[in-house]
Amino acid sequence: MRWYEGVSAEDGVRHQGEPGLPELTIAEMADRYGVTMRTLRFYEEKGFLRPRRVGNRRAYGDMDQRRMAVISKGKEMGFSLEDVCALIEIVESKMSAVDKAKAMRELCNRQLESLRSQLSEISSQISATSTALVEIDTLATDADEPAGRA
């Protein structure tokens, strides 16, 4: 399963005996996606995940696992929760594959542009900090010299 191969809301409902990804417990889901159980509960609170309840236990089915793949990819790319939500909406939409690709590409290009801008800012900050350190080192060296030798 590729991260962008989502399911529509109605496809996410699996009936007894139908093929699909096996249900996972919260611990299995956390382990599979490298997140904490608290993170999964947070995504559930935000409406990203809707596990089936078996008593007081959560059972993450096909749709939740596919959504978590999208969430994980969005997180890896540095997307905000708002952008992750948009990505899920695109993946789960009834758009054609071409339209989905265009919409995902637009979202990813916007993120790439934002990351490049942040990288430029960070590069300037690194340069400014490096310059400040040289100036500080010069100040310390000047302070070590005896008076009248400058």
N, C-alpha and C. Protein backbone atom coordinates (compact mmCIF):
# COMPACT_ATOMS: atom_id res chain seq x y z
N MET A 1 0.85 -1.17 0.00
CA MET A 1 0.00 0.00 0.00
C MET A 1 0.89 1.24 0.00
N ARG A 2 0.66 2.12 -0.94
CA ARG A 2 1.37 3.40 -0.98
C ARG A 2 0.62 4.39 -0.11
N TRP A 3 1.35 5.34 0.45
CA TRP A 3 0.73 6.30 1.38
C TRP A 3 -0.40 7.08 0.75
N TYR A 4 -0.37 7.30 -0.54
CA TYR A 4 -1.40 8.11 -1.20
C TYR A 4 -2.54 7.28 -1.75
N GLU A 5 -2.56 6.01 -1.47
CA GLU A 5 -3.66 5.16 -1.91
C GLU A 5 -4.69 5.07 -0.79
N GLY A 6 -5.57 6.04 -0.76
CA GLY A 6 -6.55 6.13 0.31
C GLY A 6 -7.80 5.36 -0.02
N VAL A 7 -8.74 5.50 0.85
CA VAL A 7 -10.06 4.91 0.65
C VAL A 7 -11.09 5.99 0.91
N SER A 8 -12.24 5.86 0.29
CA SER A 8 -13.30 6.82 0.57
C SER A 8 -13.94 6.44 1.89
N ALA A 9 -14.68 7.34 2.46
CA ALA A 9 -15.29 7.10 3.77
C ALA A 9 -16.14 5.83 3.76
N GLU A 10 -16.92 5.64 2.71
CA GLU A 10 -17.78 4.44 2.69
C GLU A 10 -16.96 3.17 2.46
N ASP A 11 -15.83 3.27 1.76
CA ASP A 11 -14.99 2.10 1.55
C ASP A 11 -14.27 1.71 2.84
N GLY A 12 -14.12 2.66 3.75
CA GLY A 12 -13.40 2.40 4.99
C GLY A 12 -14.16 1.49 5.95
N VAL A 13 -15.44 1.28 5.69
CA VAL A 13 -16.23 0.40 6.54
C VAL A 13 -16.07 -1.01 6.01
N ARG A 14 -15.43 -1.84 6.81
CA ARG A 14 -15.20 -3.23 6.42
C ARG A 14 -16.21 -4.12 7.10
N HIS A 15 -16.75 -5.04 6.36
CA HIS A 15 -17.73 -5.96 6.92
C HIS A 15 -17.06 -7.29 7.21
N GLN A 16 -17.63 -8.02 8.16
CA GLN A 16 -17.09 -9.31 8.56
C GLN A 16 -16.78 -10.17 7.34
N GLY A 17 -15.57 -10.71 7.29
CA GLY A 17 -15.19 -11.63 6.23
C GLY A 17 -14.66 -10.98 4.97
N GLU A 18 -14.73 -9.65 4.86
CA GLU A 18 -14.21 -8.99 3.67
C GLU A 18 -12.69 -8.83 3.78
N PRO A 19 -12.00 -8.92 2.63
CA PRO A 19 -10.55 -8.77 2.68
C PRO A 19 -10.17 -7.32 2.99
N GLY A 20 -9.02 -7.14 3.52
CA GLY A 20 -8.51 -5.82 3.87
C GLY A 20 -7.35 -6.00 4.83
N LEU A 21 -6.84 -4.89 5.30
CA LEU A 21 -5.76 -4.98 6.27
C LEU A 21 -6.31 -5.50 7.59
N PRO A 22 -5.57 -6.38 8.26
CA PRO A 22 -6.07 -6.88 9.55
C PRO A 22 -6.13 -5.74 10.57
N GLU A 23 -7.11 -5.79 11.44
CA GLU A 23 -7.23 -4.76 12.47
C GLU A 23 -6.04 -4.81 13.41
N LEU A 24 -5.66 -3.62 13.89
CA LEU A 24 -4.54 -3.51 14.82
C LEU A 24 -5.02 -2.93 16.14
N THR A 25 -4.38 -3.33 17.22
CA THR A 25 -4.63 -2.72 18.51
C THR A 25 -3.91 -1.38 18.52
N ILE A 26 -4.16 -0.57 19.53
CA ILE A 26 -3.49 0.73 19.63
C ILE A 26 -1.98 0.55 19.77
N ALA A 27 -1.54 -0.47 20.50
CA ALA A 27 -0.10 -0.71 20.66
C ALA A 27 0.53 -1.13 19.33
N GLU A 28 -0.16 -2.00 18.58
CA GLU A 28 0.35 -2.44 17.28
C GLU A 28 0.41 -1.27 16.30
N MET A 29 -0.63 -0.45 16.33
CA MET A 29 -0.69 0.71 15.44
C MET A 29 0.45 1.68 15.77
N ALA A 30 0.66 1.94 17.05
CA ALA A 30 1.73 2.84 17.48
C ALA A 30 3.08 2.29 17.03
N ASP A 31 3.28 1.00 17.20
CA ASP A 31 4.54 0.37 16.81
C ASP A 31 4.74 0.42 15.31
N ARG A 32 3.71 0.12 14.54
CA ARG A 32 3.82 0.11 13.08
C ARG A 32 4.19 1.47 12.52
N TYR A 33 3.62 2.55 13.09
CA TYR A 33 3.83 3.88 12.54
C TYR A 33 4.82 4.72 13.33
N GLY A 34 5.44 4.12 14.34
CA GLY A 34 6.48 4.82 15.08
C GLY A 34 5.99 6.03 15.85
N VAL A 35 4.79 5.93 16.41
CA VAL A 35 4.23 7.02 17.21
C VAL A 35 3.83 6.46 18.57
N THR A 36 3.47 7.34 19.47
CA THR A 36 3.01 6.90 20.78
C THR A 36 1.50 6.65 20.74
N MET A 37 1.04 5.92 21.73
CA MET A 37 -0.41 5.69 21.84
C MET A 37 -1.11 7.02 22.11
N ARG A 38 -0.45 7.90 22.83
CA ARG A 38 -1.02 9.23 23.09
C ARG A 38 -1.23 10.00 21.77
N THR A 39 -0.27 9.86 20.85
CA THR A 39 -0.38 10.51 19.55
C THR A 39 -1.59 9.96 18.79
N LEU A 40 -1.79 8.65 18.83
CA LEU A 40 -2.94 8.06 18.15
C LEU A 40 -4.25 8.57 18.75
N ARG A 41 -4.29 8.69 20.07
CA ARG A 41 -5.50 9.23 20.71
C ARG A 41 -5.71 10.69 20.31
N PHE A 42 -4.61 11.45 20.17
CA PHE A 42 -4.69 12.84 19.72
C PHE A 42 -5.29 12.89 18.31
N TYR A 43 -4.79 12.05 17.40
CA TYR A 43 -5.33 12.01 16.03
C TYR A 43 -6.80 11.61 16.04
N GLU A 44 -7.17 10.75 16.98
CA GLU A 44 -8.57 10.36 17.10
C GLU A 44 -9.41 11.57 17.57
N GLU A 45 -8.91 12.31 18.55
CA GLU A 45 -9.61 13.51 19.04
C GLU A 45 -9.83 14.51 17.91
N LYS A 46 -8.82 14.65 17.03
CA LYS A 46 -8.90 15.60 15.93
C LYS A 46 -9.76 15.09 14.78
N GLY A 47 -10.19 13.83 14.86
CA GLY A 47 -11.06 13.27 13.82
C GLY A 47 -10.32 12.62 12.66
N PHE A 48 -8.99 12.53 12.76
CA PHE A 48 -8.23 11.90 11.68
C PHE A 48 -8.42 10.38 11.68
N LEU A 49 -8.54 9.80 12.85
CA LEU A 49 -8.71 8.36 12.99
C LEU A 49 -10.03 8.07 13.68
N ARG A 50 -10.66 6.97 13.27
CA ARG A 50 -11.92 6.57 13.88
C ARG A 50 -11.91 5.06 14.11
N PRO A 51 -11.14 4.64 15.11
CA PRO A 51 -11.07 3.19 15.35
C PRO A 51 -12.41 2.63 15.83
N ARG A 52 -12.60 1.39 15.50
CA ARG A 52 -13.79 0.67 15.98
C ARG A 52 -13.54 0.35 17.45
N ARG A 53 -14.58 0.43 18.25
CA ARG A 53 -14.46 0.13 19.68
C ARG A 53 -14.92 -1.30 19.94
N VAL A 54 -14.09 -2.04 20.64
CA VAL A 54 -14.43 -3.39 21.08
C VAL A 54 -14.34 -3.32 22.60
N GLY A 55 -15.47 -3.07 23.23
CA GLY A 55 -15.44 -2.79 24.67
C GLY A 55 -14.77 -1.45 24.86
N ASN A 56 -13.70 -1.44 25.66
CA ASN A 56 -12.95 -0.19 25.84
C ASN A 56 -11.65 -0.18 25.04
N ARG A 57 -11.52 -1.13 24.13
CA ARG A 57 -10.32 -1.22 23.29
C ARG A 57 -10.58 -0.63 21.91
N ARG A 58 -9.51 -0.13 21.31
CA ARG A 58 -9.59 0.41 19.95
C ARG A 58 -9.11 -0.65 18.96
N ALA A 59 -9.81 -0.73 17.83
CA ALA A 59 -9.41 -1.64 16.75
C ALA A 59 -9.27 -0.79 15.48
N TYR A 60 -8.03 -0.65 15.02
CA TYR A 60 -7.74 0.19 13.85
C TYR A 60 -7.81 -0.67 12.60
N GLY A 61 -8.79 -0.37 11.76
CA GLY A 61 -9.01 -1.12 10.54
C GLY A 61 -8.30 -0.52 9.35
N ASP A 62 -8.70 -0.98 8.20
CA ASP A 62 -8.12 -0.59 6.92
C ASP A 62 -8.06 0.92 6.73
N MET A 63 -9.18 1.60 6.93
CA MET A 63 -9.24 3.04 6.69
C MET A 63 -8.30 3.81 7.62
N ASP A 64 -8.29 3.43 8.91
CA ASP A 64 -7.41 4.11 9.86
C ASP A 64 -5.94 3.89 9.51
N GLN A 65 -5.61 2.70 9.09
CA GLN A 65 -4.22 2.42 8.73
C GLN A 65 -3.80 3.20 7.49
N ARG A 66 -4.70 3.29 6.54
CA ARG A 66 -4.40 4.08 5.33
C ARG A 66 -4.27 5.57 5.68
N ARG A 67 -5.16 6.04 6.54
CA ARG A 67 -5.08 7.44 6.97
C ARG A 67 -3.77 7.69 7.73
N MET A 68 -3.39 6.74 8.56
CA MET A 68 -2.15 6.91 9.33
C MET A 68 -0.95 6.95 8.41
N ALA A 69 -1.00 6.22 7.31
CA ALA A 69 0.10 6.27 6.33
C ALA A 69 0.19 7.68 5.73
N VAL A 70 -0.95 8.29 5.45
CA VAL A 70 -0.97 9.66 4.91
C VAL A 70 -0.49 10.64 5.99
N ILE A 71 -0.96 10.47 7.21
CA ILE A 71 -0.55 11.35 8.31
C ILE A 71 0.97 11.26 8.50
N SER A 72 1.50 10.05 8.50
CA SER A 72 2.95 9.84 8.68
C SER A 72 3.75 10.51 7.57
N LYS A 73 3.28 10.39 6.35
CA LYS A 73 3.98 11.01 5.22
C LYS A 73 3.90 12.53 5.34
N GLY A 74 2.73 13.05 5.69
CA GLY A 74 2.59 14.49 5.88
C GLY A 74 3.50 15.00 6.97
N LYS A 75 3.57 14.27 8.07
CA LYS A 75 4.44 14.64 9.18
C LYS A 75 5.91 14.61 8.74
N GLU A 76 6.27 13.60 7.98
CA GLU A 76 7.64 13.48 7.46
C GLU A 76 8.00 14.67 6.58
N MET A 77 7.03 15.20 5.85
CA MET A 77 7.26 16.34 4.97
C MET A 77 7.11 17.68 5.70
N GLY A 78 6.78 17.63 7.00
CA GLY A 78 6.67 18.85 7.78
C GLY A 78 5.35 19.57 7.63
N PHE A 79 4.32 18.89 7.16
CA PHE A 79 3.01 19.50 6.98
C PHE A 79 2.40 19.88 8.33
N SER A 80 1.62 20.94 8.34
CA SER A 80 0.82 21.31 9.51
C SER A 80 -0.36 20.33 9.58
N LEU A 81 -1.04 20.31 10.71
CA LEU A 81 -2.23 19.46 10.83
C LEU A 81 -3.29 19.85 9.81
N GLU A 82 -3.37 21.14 9.54
CA GLU A 82 -4.33 21.63 8.54
C GLU A 82 -4.00 21.06 7.16
N ASP A 83 -2.72 21.06 6.82
CA ASP A 83 -2.30 20.51 5.52
C ASP A 83 -2.45 18.99 5.48
N VAL A 84 -2.22 18.32 6.60
CA VAL A 84 -2.43 16.87 6.66
C VAL A 84 -3.90 16.57 6.41
N CYS A 85 -4.78 17.38 7.00
CA CYS A 85 -6.21 17.22 6.79
C CYS A 85 -6.56 17.39 5.31
N ALA A 86 -5.98 18.41 4.69
CA ALA A 86 -6.20 18.65 3.26
C ALA A 86 -5.70 17.47 2.43
N LEU A 87 -4.55 16.93 2.81
CA LEU A 87 -3.98 15.78 2.10
C LEU A 87 -4.90 14.57 2.21
N ILE A 88 -5.42 14.33 3.40
CA ILE A 88 -6.37 13.21 3.59
C ILE A 88 -7.61 13.42 2.73
N GLU A 89 -8.11 14.64 2.71
CA GLU A 89 -9.30 14.93 1.90
C GLU A 89 -9.04 14.65 0.43
N ILE A 90 -7.87 15.01 -0.05
CA ILE A 90 -7.53 14.75 -1.45
C ILE A 90 -7.46 13.26 -1.71
N VAL A 91 -6.72 12.56 -0.86
CA VAL A 91 -6.52 11.11 -1.04
C VAL A 91 -7.86 10.36 -1.01
N GLU A 92 -8.76 10.79 -0.13
CA GLU A 92 -10.03 10.09 0.01
C GLU A 92 -11.13 10.61 -0.90
N SER A 93 -10.83 11.64 -1.67
CA SER A 93 -11.86 12.23 -2.53
C SER A 93 -12.21 11.30 -3.70
N LYS A 94 -13.27 11.66 -4.37
CA LYS A 94 -13.71 10.90 -5.54
C LYS A 94 -13.14 11.49 -6.83
N MET A 95 -12.13 12.35 -6.68
CA MET A 95 -11.48 12.94 -7.86
C MET A 95 -10.80 11.83 -8.68
N SER A 96 -10.58 12.14 -9.93
CA SER A 96 -9.83 11.20 -10.76
C SER A 96 -8.39 11.16 -10.26
N ALA A 97 -7.68 10.12 -10.64
CA ALA A 97 -6.28 9.97 -10.23
C ALA A 97 -5.45 11.16 -10.69
N VAL A 98 -5.73 11.66 -11.88
CA VAL A 98 -4.99 12.81 -12.42
C VAL A 98 -5.27 14.05 -11.58
N ASP A 99 -6.54 14.28 -11.23
CA ASP A 99 -6.88 15.45 -10.42
C ASP A 99 -6.30 15.33 -9.01
N LYS A 100 -6.31 14.11 -8.45
CA LYS A 100 -5.70 13.90 -7.14
C LYS A 100 -4.21 14.22 -7.20
N ALA A 101 -3.55 13.75 -8.24
CA ALA A 101 -2.12 13.99 -8.39
C ALA A 101 -1.83 15.48 -8.49
N LYS A 102 -2.66 16.19 -9.25
CA LYS A 102 -2.48 17.65 -9.38
C LYS A 102 -2.64 18.35 -8.04
N ALA A 103 -3.68 17.97 -7.30
CA ALA A 103 -3.96 18.60 -6.01
C ALA A 103 -2.85 18.28 -4.99
N MET A 104 -2.40 17.02 -4.98
CA MET A 104 -1.30 16.66 -4.06
C MET A 104 -0.02 17.36 -4.45
N ARG A 105 0.21 17.47 -5.76
CA ARG A 105 1.42 18.14 -6.25
C ARG A 105 1.41 19.62 -5.83
N GLU A 106 0.27 20.26 -5.92
CA GLU A 106 0.15 21.66 -5.54
C GLU A 106 0.44 21.84 -4.04
N LEU A 107 -0.14 20.96 -3.24
CA LEU A 107 0.09 21.01 -1.79
C LEU A 107 1.56 20.76 -1.45
N CYS A 108 2.16 19.78 -2.10
CA CYS A 108 3.58 19.46 -1.86
C CYS A 108 4.50 20.58 -2.36
N ASN A 109 4.17 21.18 -3.50
CA ASN A 109 4.98 22.30 -4.00
C ASN A 109 4.93 23.49 -3.05
N ARG A 110 3.75 23.75 -2.50
CA ARG A 110 3.62 24.83 -1.53
C ARG A 110 4.49 24.56 -0.30
N GLN A 111 4.48 23.30 0.16
CA GLN A 111 5.29 22.93 1.31
C GLN A 111 6.78 23.04 0.99
N LEU A 112 7.17 22.61 -0.19
CA LEU A 112 8.57 22.68 -0.60
C LEU A 112 9.04 24.14 -0.63
N GLU A 113 8.20 25.01 -1.15
CA GLU A 113 8.52 26.44 -1.19
C GLU A 113 8.69 26.99 0.23
N SER A 114 7.80 26.60 1.12
CA SER A 114 7.88 27.04 2.51
C SER A 114 9.16 26.52 3.18
N LEU A 115 9.49 25.27 2.94
CA LEU A 115 10.71 24.69 3.52
C LEU A 115 11.97 25.37 2.99
N ARG A 116 11.97 25.67 1.71
CA ARG A 116 13.13 26.37 1.13
C ARG A 116 13.29 27.76 1.73
N SER A 117 12.18 28.43 1.97
CA SER A 117 12.22 29.74 2.60
C SER A 117 12.77 29.64 4.02
N GLN A 118 12.30 28.63 4.76
CA GLN A 118 12.80 28.41 6.12
C GLN A 118 14.29 28.09 6.11
N LEU A 119 14.71 27.30 5.14
CA LEU A 119 16.12 26.94 5.02
C LEU A 119 16.97 28.18 4.76
N SER A 120 16.48 29.09 3.92
CA SER A 120 17.18 30.33 3.64
C SER A 120 17.31 31.18 4.91
N GLU A 121 16.20 31.26 5.68
CA GLU A 121 16.23 32.01 6.93
C GLU A 121 17.22 31.38 7.91
N ILE A 122 17.20 30.08 8.01
CA ILE A 122 18.11 29.38 8.92
C ILE A 122 19.55 29.59 8.49
N SER A 123 19.81 29.55 7.20
CA SER A 123 21.16 29.78 6.68
C SER A 123 21.66 31.18 7.07
N SER A 124 20.78 32.18 6.95
CA SER A 124 21.15 33.54 7.35
C SER A 124 21.41 33.61 8.85
N GLN A 125 20.60 32.92 9.63
CA GLN A 125 20.77 32.91 11.08
C GLN A 125 22.08 32.22 11.47
N ILE A 126 22.43 31.16 10.77
CA ILE A 126 23.70 30.47 11.02
C ILE A 126 24.86 31.40 10.73
N SER A 127 24.77 32.09 9.61
CA SER A 127 25.82 33.04 9.23
C SER A 127 25.97 34.15 10.27
N ALA A 128 24.85 34.72 10.70
CA ALA A 128 24.88 35.79 11.69
C ALA A 128 25.45 35.30 13.02
N THR A 129 25.08 34.09 13.41
CA THR A 129 25.58 33.53 14.66
C THR A 129 27.07 33.23 14.56
N SER A 130 27.52 32.72 13.43
CA SER A 130 28.95 32.46 13.22
C SER A 130 29.75 33.75 13.29
N THR A 131 29.25 34.80 12.68
CA THR A 131 29.91 36.11 12.72
C THR A 131 29.98 36.62 14.15
N ALA A 132 28.89 36.47 14.88
CA ALA A 132 28.86 36.91 16.28
C ALA A 132 29.90 36.16 17.11
N LEU A 133 30.05 34.86 16.85
CA LEU A 133 31.04 34.08 17.58
C LEU A 133 32.46 34.56 17.29
N VAL A 134 32.75 34.90 16.04
CA VAL A 134 34.08 35.43 15.69
C VAL A 134 34.30 36.75 16.42
N GLU A 135 33.29 37.61 16.44
CA GLU A 135 33.40 38.89 17.15
C GLU A 135 33.62 38.67 18.64
N ILE A 136 32.92 37.71 19.22
CA ILE A 136 33.07 37.40 20.64
C ILE A 136 34.48 36.88 20.93
N ASP A 137 34.97 36.00 20.04
CA ASP A 137 36.33 35.47 20.21
C ASP A 137 37.35 36.59 20.13
N THR A 138 37.15 37.55 19.23
CA THR A 138 38.05 38.71 19.10
C THR A 138 38.01 39.53 20.37
N LEU A 139 36.83 39.74 20.92
CA LEU A 139 36.66 40.49 22.16
C LEU A 139 37.42 39.80 23.29
N ALA A 140 37.29 38.48 23.38
CA ALA A 140 37.97 37.73 24.43
C ALA A 140 39.48 37.81 24.26
N THR A 141 39.96 37.73 23.02
CA THR A 141 41.41 37.81 22.74
C THR A 141 41.92 39.20 23.09
N ASP A 142 41.19 40.24 22.69
CA ASP A 142 41.58 41.62 23.01
C ASP A 142 41.62 41.85 24.51
N ALA A 143 40.70 41.24 25.24
CA ALA A 143 40.63 41.42 26.68
C ALA A 143 41.82 40.76 27.38
N ASP A 144 42.38 39.70 26.76
CA ASP A 144 43.52 38.98 27.34
C ASP A 144 44.84 39.73 27.15
N GLU A 145 44.91 40.66 26.17
CA GLU A 145 46.15 41.40 25.91
C GLU A 145 46.38 42.45 26.99
N PRO A 146 47.63 42.64 27.42
CA PRO A 146 47.93 43.65 28.44
C PRO A 146 47.59 45.05 27.91
N ALA A 147 47.25 45.96 28.80
CA ALA A 147 46.89 47.33 28.43
C ALA A 147 48.04 48.00 27.72
N GLY A 148 47.73 48.80 26.71
CA GLY A 148 48.74 49.55 25.98
C GLY A 148 49.37 48.79 24.84
N ARG A 149 48.97 47.56 24.57
CA ARG A 149 49.55 46.78 23.46
C ARG A 149 48.64 46.73 22.25
N ALA A 150 47.67 47.45 22.17
CA ALA A 150 46.74 47.36 21.05
C ALA A 150 47.17 48.13 19.86
